[in-house]
Amino acid sequence: MPSVLIVEDHALFRSGLKQLIGIEPGLTVAGEAGDGLAGIRLAQSLRPDLILLDISMPELSGVEAIPRIREVAPGARILIVSMHATAGHVRAALKAGADGYLLKDQEPEQILEDIQKAAKGQTVLSASMNQALAECLREESFSKERRVSELTEREKSVLKLIAQGKTNKEIGKALEISDGTVKVHVKHVLHKLSFRSRVEAAVWAKEQKNL
């Protein structure tokens, strides 16, 4: 059963997330923290499968905490849950290494559904943020060439499945290759296209006509 660590400085919202996850039999709350530094310590000791991380927190922001969490709990997926709805905040979080971004003002049912998807390894991004992030990436494309021509046919197939929100396991099954091989392909795709995260790659790929 996937374990979840909640790192959120607002006690009321943290309690709400805990209760929300508690009604889902397929998830369990491993622990909770009220600031970034405490979150890093718990991530190291608990090694959760999924970390729900706020951005604006005392001691250390969520964006600053992400790379440090990656060092102590490399296997954990990190899902930002924030009130900030600007493309800049999303971009900063994804560049730091977040696996997804949710907004706090979503309906509880939608938040739980997205948490479930993230726990399974799927790419998650609030629907309202897709367009803003796509526009941000489109603007960057004018100053940074995305070398699609350098992708192999297999890498293009992997990218298309990433754009569909597929997990590494699902991609491997679809292409009849191992999870380890999928990870290598994903790494090459992100490097060749100059992306820091698969979420960025997924949003960008959805708008491309030449894949």
Protein backbone atom coordinates (compact mmCIF):
# COMPACT_ATOMS: atom_id res chain seq x y z
CA MET A 1 0.00 0.00 0.00
CA PRO A 2 1.52 3.37 -1.05
CA SER A 3 2.54 5.56 1.91
CA VAL A 4 2.11 9.34 1.88
CA LEU A 5 4.03 12.05 3.74
CA ILE A 6 2.24 15.40 4.10
CA VAL A 7 4.47 18.50 4.35
CA GLU A 8 2.22 21.52 4.87
CA ASP A 9 2.49 24.44 7.29
CA HIS A 10 -1.25 25.16 7.58
CA ALA A 11 -2.49 22.75 10.25
CA LEU A 12 -6.12 22.87 9.10
CA PHE A 13 -5.33 22.02 5.48
CA ARG A 14 -2.81 19.39 6.61
CA SER A 15 -5.53 17.80 8.73
CA GLY A 16 -7.92 17.93 5.78
CA LEU A 17 -5.46 16.13 3.53
CA LYS A 18 -4.89 13.51 6.22
CA GLN A 19 -8.63 12.87 6.54
CA LEU A 20 -9.07 12.81 2.77
CA ILE A 21 -6.33 10.22 2.32
CA GLY A 22 -7.74 8.28 5.28
CA ILE A 23 -10.96 7.50 3.40
CA GLU A 24 -9.01 5.91 0.55
CA PRO A 25 -8.29 2.25 1.40
CA GLY A 26 -5.43 2.11 -1.12
CA LEU A 27 -3.35 4.80 0.62
CA THR A 28 -1.88 5.35 4.07
CA VAL A 29 -0.46 8.46 5.77
CA ALA A 30 3.08 7.71 6.90
CA GLY A 31 3.62 11.04 8.64
CA GLU A 32 3.18 14.80 8.54
CA ALA A 33 5.38 17.87 8.92
CA GLY A 34 4.75 21.59 9.27
CA ASP A 35 7.84 22.96 7.54
CA GLY A 36 10.39 22.09 4.86
CA LEU A 37 13.25 21.06 7.15
CA ALA A 38 11.04 18.72 9.17
CA GLY A 39 9.72 17.32 5.91
CA ILE A 40 13.23 16.46 4.74
CA ARG A 41 13.99 14.68 8.03
CA LEU A 42 10.79 12.63 7.83
CA ALA A 43 11.35 11.84 4.16
CA GLN A 44 14.74 10.38 5.10
CA SER A 45 13.46 8.32 8.03
CA LEU A 46 10.09 7.21 6.61
CA ARG A 47 11.01 6.77 2.92
CA PRO A 48 7.40 7.34 1.77
CA ASP A 49 6.18 6.47 -1.71
CA LEU A 50 4.60 9.91 -2.22
CA ILE A 51 5.23 13.31 -0.65
CA LEU A 52 2.60 16.06 -0.74
CA LEU A 53 4.57 19.30 -0.51
CA ASP A 54 3.44 22.91 -0.09
CA ILE A 55 5.51 25.70 -1.64
CA SER A 56 5.24 28.56 0.88
CA MET A 57 6.48 27.27 4.23
CA PRO A 58 8.69 28.50 7.10
CA GLU A 59 12.33 27.37 7.42
CA LEU A 60 12.55 26.13 3.84
CA SER A 61 10.22 26.54 0.85
CA GLY A 62 8.88 23.57 -1.05
CA VAL A 63 10.94 24.42 -4.13
CA GLU A 64 14.12 24.61 -2.00
CA ALA A 65 13.23 21.35 -0.24
CA ILE A 66 12.70 19.28 -3.40
CA PRO A 67 16.37 18.67 -4.36
CA ARG A 68 17.25 17.88 -0.74
CA ILE A 69 14.38 15.41 -0.52
CA ARG A 70 15.62 13.81 -3.73
CA GLU A 71 18.96 13.20 -2.02
CA VAL A 72 17.56 11.48 1.08
CA ALA A 73 14.53 9.76 -0.48
CA PRO A 74 15.30 9.27 -4.19
CA GLY A 75 12.48 6.78 -4.70
CA ALA A 76 9.71 9.09 -3.49
CA ARG A 77 7.41 10.91 -5.88
CA ILE A 78 6.88 14.58 -5.01
CA LEU A 79 3.54 16.25 -5.65
CA ILE A 80 3.21 19.98 -5.01
CA VAL A 81 -0.12 21.03 -3.47
CA SER A 82 -0.23 24.83 -3.44
CA MET A 83 -2.42 27.92 -3.53
CA HIS A 84 -0.07 29.56 -6.09
CA ALA A 85 -1.60 29.32 -9.55
CA THR A 86 0.98 31.06 -11.72
CA ALA A 87 2.95 29.35 -14.46
CA GLY A 88 6.12 30.72 -12.83
CA HIS A 89 5.51 28.79 -9.62
CA VAL A 90 4.70 25.62 -11.55
CA ARG A 91 7.80 26.03 -13.73
CA ALA A 92 10.04 26.55 -10.69
CA ALA A 93 8.64 23.47 -8.95
CA LEU A 94 9.03 21.27 -12.02
CA LYS A 95 12.57 22.54 -12.64
CA ALA A 96 13.42 21.64 -9.05
CA GLY A 97 12.23 18.10 -9.68
CA ALA A 98 8.55 17.91 -8.69
CA ASP A 99 6.50 15.13 -10.28
CA GLY A 100 3.27 17.11 -10.41
CA TYR A 101 1.41 20.20 -9.26
CA LEU A 102 -2.06 20.53 -7.73
CA LEU A 103 -3.99 23.58 -6.60
CA LYS A 104 -5.53 23.71 -3.14
CA ASP A 105 -8.79 25.18 -4.42
CA GLN A 106 -9.69 22.04 -6.37
CA GLU A 107 -12.62 19.98 -5.19
CA PRO A 108 -11.61 17.43 -2.53
CA GLU A 109 -12.71 14.56 -4.78
CA GLN A 110 -10.42 15.81 -7.56
CA ILE A 111 -7.50 16.25 -5.17
CA LEU A 112 -7.92 12.67 -3.92
CA GLU A 113 -8.18 11.34 -7.48
CA ASP A 114 -4.98 13.16 -8.46
CA ILE A 115 -3.18 11.91 -5.36
CA GLN A 116 -4.17 8.37 -6.30
CA LYS A 117 -2.80 8.88 -9.82
CA ALA A 118 0.45 10.32 -8.50
CA ALA A 119 0.85 7.39 -6.09
CA LYS A 120 0.58 5.04 -9.09
CA GLY A 121 3.32 6.93 -10.90
CA GLN A 122 1.16 8.96 -13.28
CA THR A 123 1.91 12.53 -14.29
CA VAL A 124 -0.40 14.97 -12.50
CA LEU A 125 -1.02 18.65 -13.22
CA SER A 126 -4.11 20.70 -12.34
CA ALA A 127 -6.19 21.18 -15.47
CA SER A 128 -6.23 24.96 -15.03
CA MET A 129 -2.42 25.02 -15.13
CA ASN A 130 -1.98 23.11 -18.37
CA GLN A 131 -2.58 26.09 -20.65
CA ALA A 132 -0.44 28.49 -18.61
CA LEU A 133 2.48 26.07 -18.53
CA ALA A 134 2.06 25.23 -22.22
CA GLU A 135 2.28 28.95 -23.07
CA CYS A 136 5.39 29.30 -20.91
CA LEU A 137 7.04 26.37 -22.65
CA ARG A 138 5.96 27.70 -26.05
CA GLU A 139 7.67 31.03 -25.33
CA GLU A 140 10.85 29.19 -24.33
CA SER A 141 10.77 27.23 -27.57
CA PHE A 142 11.57 30.40 -29.50
CA SER A 143 14.86 30.78 -27.64
CA LYS A 144 15.65 27.10 -27.09
CA GLU A 145 15.46 24.57 -29.89
CA ARG A 146 13.79 21.30 -28.97
CA ARG A 147 15.77 18.71 -30.90
CA VAL A 148 12.91 16.38 -31.80
CA SER A 149 14.86 15.20 -34.83
CA GLU A 150 17.48 13.73 -32.49
CA LEU A 151 14.98 11.42 -30.84
CA THR A 152 14.98 7.80 -31.95
CA GLU A 153 11.67 6.26 -33.01
CA ARG A 154 11.56 4.39 -29.69
CA GLU A 155 12.13 7.63 -27.77
CA LYS A 156 9.33 9.30 -29.73
CA SER A 157 7.03 6.43 -28.78
CA VAL A 158 8.00 6.85 -25.13
CA LEU A 159 7.38 10.61 -25.34
CA LYS A 160 3.91 10.07 -26.81
CA LEU A 161 3.03 7.77 -23.92
CA ILE A 162 4.45 10.25 -21.40
CA ALA A 163 2.11 12.85 -22.95
CA GLN A 164 -0.77 10.47 -22.23
CA GLY A 165 0.21 10.43 -18.56
CA LYS A 166 1.39 6.82 -18.62
CA THR A 167 3.61 5.46 -15.86
CA ASN A 168 6.95 3.77 -16.60
CA LYS A 169 5.32 0.42 -15.92
CA GLU A 170 2.48 1.16 -18.36
CA ILE A 171 4.93 2.41 -21.00
CA GLY A 172 7.01 -0.73 -20.60
CA LYS A 173 3.95 -2.93 -21.03
CA ALA A 174 2.78 -1.02 -24.10
CA LEU A 175 6.20 -1.18 -25.79
CA GLU A 176 7.10 -4.62 -24.41
CA ILE A 177 10.30 -3.41 -22.73
CA SER A 178 11.49 -3.47 -19.12
CA ASP A 179 10.92 -0.68 -16.58
CA GLY A 180 14.68 -0.13 -16.49
CA THR A 181 14.80 0.37 -20.25
CA VAL A 182 11.90 2.82 -20.02
CA LYS A 183 13.79 4.85 -17.41
CA VAL A 184 16.79 5.08 -19.73
CA HIS A 185 14.61 6.23 -22.63
CA VAL A 186 12.86 8.84 -20.46
CA LYS A 187 16.22 10.17 -19.31
CA HIS A 188 17.40 10.50 -22.91
CA VAL A 189 14.17 12.22 -23.98
CA LEU A 190 14.40 14.81 -21.21
CA HIS A 191 18.08 15.45 -21.95
CA LYS A 192 17.67 15.80 -25.70
CA LEU A 193 14.68 18.13 -25.35
CA SER A 194 16.21 20.13 -22.47
CA PHE A 195 13.44 19.40 -19.97
CA ARG A 196 13.92 18.98 -16.24
CA SER A 197 10.79 16.90 -15.65
CA ARG A 198 8.45 14.54 -17.47
CA VAL A 199 5.52 16.84 -16.62
CA GLU A 200 7.08 19.58 -18.76
CA ALA A 201 7.74 17.07 -21.51
CA ALA A 202 4.15 15.80 -21.36
CA VAL A 203 2.59 19.27 -21.58
CA TRP A 204 4.91 20.29 -24.41
CA ALA A 205 4.44 17.06 -26.36
CA LYS A 206 0.67 17.40 -26.37
CA GLU A 207 1.00 20.51 -28.53
CA GLN A 208 3.42 19.11 -31.07
CA LYS A 209 2.26 18.08 -34.55
CA ASN A 210 5.49 16.42 -35.68
CA LEU A 211 5.70 13.53 -33.24
